[in-house]
Each structure stands twice: as C-alpha cells, then as structure tokens.
C-alpha cells in the first residue's frame, strides 16, 4: 500500500509512514488497513502472559494512530531491556526459532532413549487399561518403596516388569527419576486418553445413526446430583448395544436441567437430538410428566422419541405394592428380614450349629443371600422393599425354605444362650412368628408368586432385549399367575401342610372359624380356609395381576401391534402389513409420504422372501435375530426401509439397568480410591 488515509491532528494532516516498516520497529509493527491503526505483534500474541498497562492496550486492543508522535511513542513502548514488550518479543523469537521446537529436542535424543521411553509408556498404558477394564483403583495407601502394598498400578507394573525382563530394565527404579511415567497425574492422563478413545470408538460405531437414550440420576458420595447417560443403538452387525457415554453433575434434577445436561453431552460428541428415537427412565414425575416431564420436553424436539418406563423398575414396584396393600405380606417380609439379620449376625457362633447346619449356612452366605455379621440392608442381603431387584427376594425366600431347620435351631440356641436379654427375647419372638402355619403359607405363596415372574426379571436387564420379547414374557407371567389363581390353591395347601409336618409345625383345622390378630373371642365370621384362600391367596395374586396390567402401560397400541407384526417367529405368523404401515406412520420424521409408499412395495417383496424357505430366515426367534440375519445376508440395503423400521423398534429401551450400574460402579470406584 503506497498511500495511507490522512488524519487531521491539530492544524496539520498526518498519516502512517511506510518507511516505519523498514526501521528498528519492523519486526513487530503491524498496520490495520480497516482501522487505520498500528499494533504490536509480539505483545498481541503474548498479552495474556504478562500484565499490560493501559498504555500498551493501544498496541494489543484499540490500536495506535497518533501519527504526530509515532516514533516517540514507539520508543516508549519498546522501553528498556526488561520491559514487557521485550519479554514478549523474546517469546516471539523463541516461538519462531525452529531449532528450539519440540521435534528438534526429541531428535537430539538417541534412538535407544526413545525406545526405552516408549517401552515405559506402553507398560503404564497396558496396566492402566487392565485396571480400567476391571474397574479397579490405581492408588495404594502407602506407595513408598518400602511398602509391601503399593496399590494395583505400581504392583501390576512391577509384576509386568518381572515377567518381561526387557521392560523391567527401563521402568520404576531403573527409569530416569524425572521420567518414570508413574505419577498420579500421568495415571489420570492415561485414563482420560483411554476414555476419549473409547468414546471415539462408540461414536464411530453409532456413525450418526438413530439412537435411544437411557438416563438415571442419583447423588454421589458428596451429595451432589449426577446424571448417567447411556446410548442404545443398532450397530453395523445388526446387534443392539448399550454404551455408557458420560456421568455429569447437574445443578438439580428438574426436567429442564436434565434436558440441558443431556443435550450438552450429546453436543460434545456431535450427536443431534433429532436422532433420538427412544427414551428410557424410571417413573419419577420429573421424568415421565405429561406437561413438563423430561420425556415431554424431548418429544417436543424429537416426536419419534417414544418413552418407556423402565420395565425392571416397574416389576420391582409391583412387589412393593403387594406389601403396601396387604398387611400379612408386609409383616411377613419384616419377619424374614429380621430373622436373616439375627442368623447372619450369629454366624460367628459356630458352636451353636451342627456340622450339616453350619455347612448349609456357609453355602447361603457364600451365595450372597446373607452376609456374615452384617444386616440384611447391606448390598448383598435381603434388602428393604424397593431397594433391590426382584431376583434377590426370590433367592432369599428359596434359601429360607432350604435352611429353615437350621434357622430354627440357631434361634432356639440364641433364645437359651443369647448374650443379652434383648437378643433372647427377640429370638423367642421370631420363633413364635415363623413356626406358624400362616407364616409358612405366606412363605410358599410369595415364593411361587416370585417364581412366576423370575424369568421376566432376569431377561429385562439384558442389553439386547427388545420390547416385543419383553411384552411376550410379561403376558406369559400374567397367564401363569391367572392359572395359579384358578388351579393352584390345592397344590399350595398340600406343599404347606407337608412342610409343616416335616418341621413339627401345628396345622390348624381349616374348617374352624378364623380369629384375626390376637383375639380368641371375636370371630371374623369366616373359616380359616376361607381366610387363607380368599383374603390372602386370591388377594395377593389379584394385586399382582392388577399391578402388572396397570404399571406396564408400554406404548401406544399402534406401536405395539406394529412391532408384533414384525416378529419373525413361526415364519412371520403375526405378519400384518396394515399394522406395520401404521407403525411406520408413528415415525413421521423418518417416513415421509414417499418413503411410506416405497415401504408398502418393499413389504410385499420382503414377506415373500422371508417365507421362501431360506434356512437363514426359517428359525428366527425375535426381532433381534431378524436384524442380524438381514445384515448377514447382505439385505440391509435391499430392504432398507424395513431395516429402518426394525431398527427403530429395536432401539426402544426395555430397562435402564446399565445406567444404574454405571452410577454404582463410579461411586464404588470413588470410595475405593478414597480409602
């Protein structure tokens, strides 16, 4: 630029002089044509490293344009040798000096030093990956050289060096003391790098496709609210996978806060909320609220993000409901819990047990049903209703029946030899409760009720479970319960009576009047058999059926009927094109009018192909098998719209078990690291 804009300063017109670029200021002086101002390049680059006074802001922010005193101000800005400008200038020279670059410094080292450094780094990474895979803490209580237990990281690293002498020669004490690559900061860097690579692989596997979200929230050990987010999607092999992608703290658990946290986490991984096609949460009002719940807020942005209340959570709530609605069942579980508490606490008194009884109890403790010396409100015992999974109640009641005689023996010994009167009185009270016909009746009844739903409780937490299969198991459970109600009374009564005969428990005359509570004078007006059959047996089963029917309000009938029509069992015996087309219309964002038309034609060809006798499609047992079979047969592109519909069906979550596990594992890891 040969000429510069003139500016009237005082009575004279001044302007920038090109010759200033050729003087002593040429290496740092920069001119802005847009603002007709000059700046200091080095001060601009390193302005955050040093404190700049208001004078220097002219050269880093606002620009300098007082041309009448330019040279004087330039000299003043440069200042003496230790001025801020000269410090910035020296940093700029260092930055531009390629002889001081990291690559040059590395190249100066010998190839041997490089190889040894790489071996140390790979050893630290290998150990870290192993610990991360098994969720083990890195640090030890005492990591000094004299310690015999330095923690998993240093211990495994030393073991690795012992097994591989070439590695052992360059790690730990054999490494340069400023380059051991074992400090906590390095460990955290490696763990963070592993996390980023894992997330990168997960997002790559998703490949921008549709996904469902599973969310759970809980407080951490510092009582801060945190949220776990899991993605559920179908991978390139046609398999449904659930992948944990983050655990973040939230200011509160309101629907708006959770939505903001979810969208923020998705944004970090360049995932669009418009691709959400399923939501899975628990039944809290902030989650499932029809007006301002999380599911409603997300469906406003993604209409196809249908919400499913976690099936496993709903199943557990049915058991809670039985206890709340039936006093006999509530009392029964209280007695069972108290008995197992007492028996577990007295296990150390081996002298109270005969050999075969001790062996049975030992097996019970090893199975995790009762913890030695601990209450049953701990992690592995029979926990409070609502605090554990259905399966643990089922196992505990089964074990209670198996070791009933041993339990009675221990309670009798405590009644006689207990260390305190409180222990002796408690044991006496519990014996009077459990050695009754009614307690044994409820014990066998609840075991049978829990057994009816045990298969359902086991399949629900599986990550590859689809909603059609889950609903099928739900219907089987309800059918079995109804059959038990109609035909199971006599067999139950026989089992209870046989058990009481074996264990010398008095069997009442069932045709006599029933006296409720402790009253022996005021009759209820019904026989004991009527009370057990109608007021206990029928009521418990009816409540269970009502809860199963009421709580498992899955999704709209159009969705469920369409999903059932895609089920390939028995050569697509439930195939119904009309219902499948209605299902596609539930996903308006994914199926426009053109795709709906094309899907209609594609379904005609698809069903003929599937029923043609091809062995690849003849024995499919569910939507899960269908998705994999289409991929393995290279038909995913041919039947792209059918595959898309199958994928959207498969994405709908059944349970949020992985979210809860992720929070639990994270908290357990924090606790072990802090110990």
Foldseek 3Di string as FASTA:
>chain_A
DQDADWDDDPNDIFADDPCVCVDPQVVFWDADNVLSFIAGNLCQVCVVVDPDDPLNCCRHPVGDTPRVCVVVSVDVQCDDCPDPSNVSVVVVVCVVPPCNDPVNVVVVDDPVVVVLLVLLLVLLLVQLVVCVVVLAFAADPDLDPPDPDGGSRVVVSCVVCVVPVVNVCDADPNHPPVRRLRDPVSSVVSVVVVLVVVLVVVLVQCVQAAWAKEKDWDAFPVRFIKMWIWIWFQGLLLFIDIGTNDIGTFNDLALVRVLVVVVVSCVVSPHDLQRHQEYEYADDCLDPPCPNHNQNVSCVVHVRHDYFHAQQLLLLVLLVQLLVVAVLLVVLLVLLQVLLQLCLLCLVVCVLFDPVLNVLVVVCCVVQQGPHNDGQCDDRHDHDRSPDTLVSVLVSLVSCLVNVVSSLSSLVCCLVDPPDPVSNVVSVVSNVVCLALSSLLVSLLVNVLSVLCVVLSVPLVDSRDFPLVSVVSLVSSLVVLVCCLVPVPVVSVVVSVVSCVVVVRDDDDQQQFDDPDPDPPDTPPHGNVCCCNPVPNNVSSVSSSVSSVPSRPGGDPLQNLLQLQPWCAQLSPSNDLVSVLSNVVSNCVVAPPVNSVVLSVLVVVVSCVLNVPDPLNRHDGGLSSVSSSCSVVVNCVVNVSVNSSSRSSSNHHNRSVVRVVVSVSVSVSVVSNVD
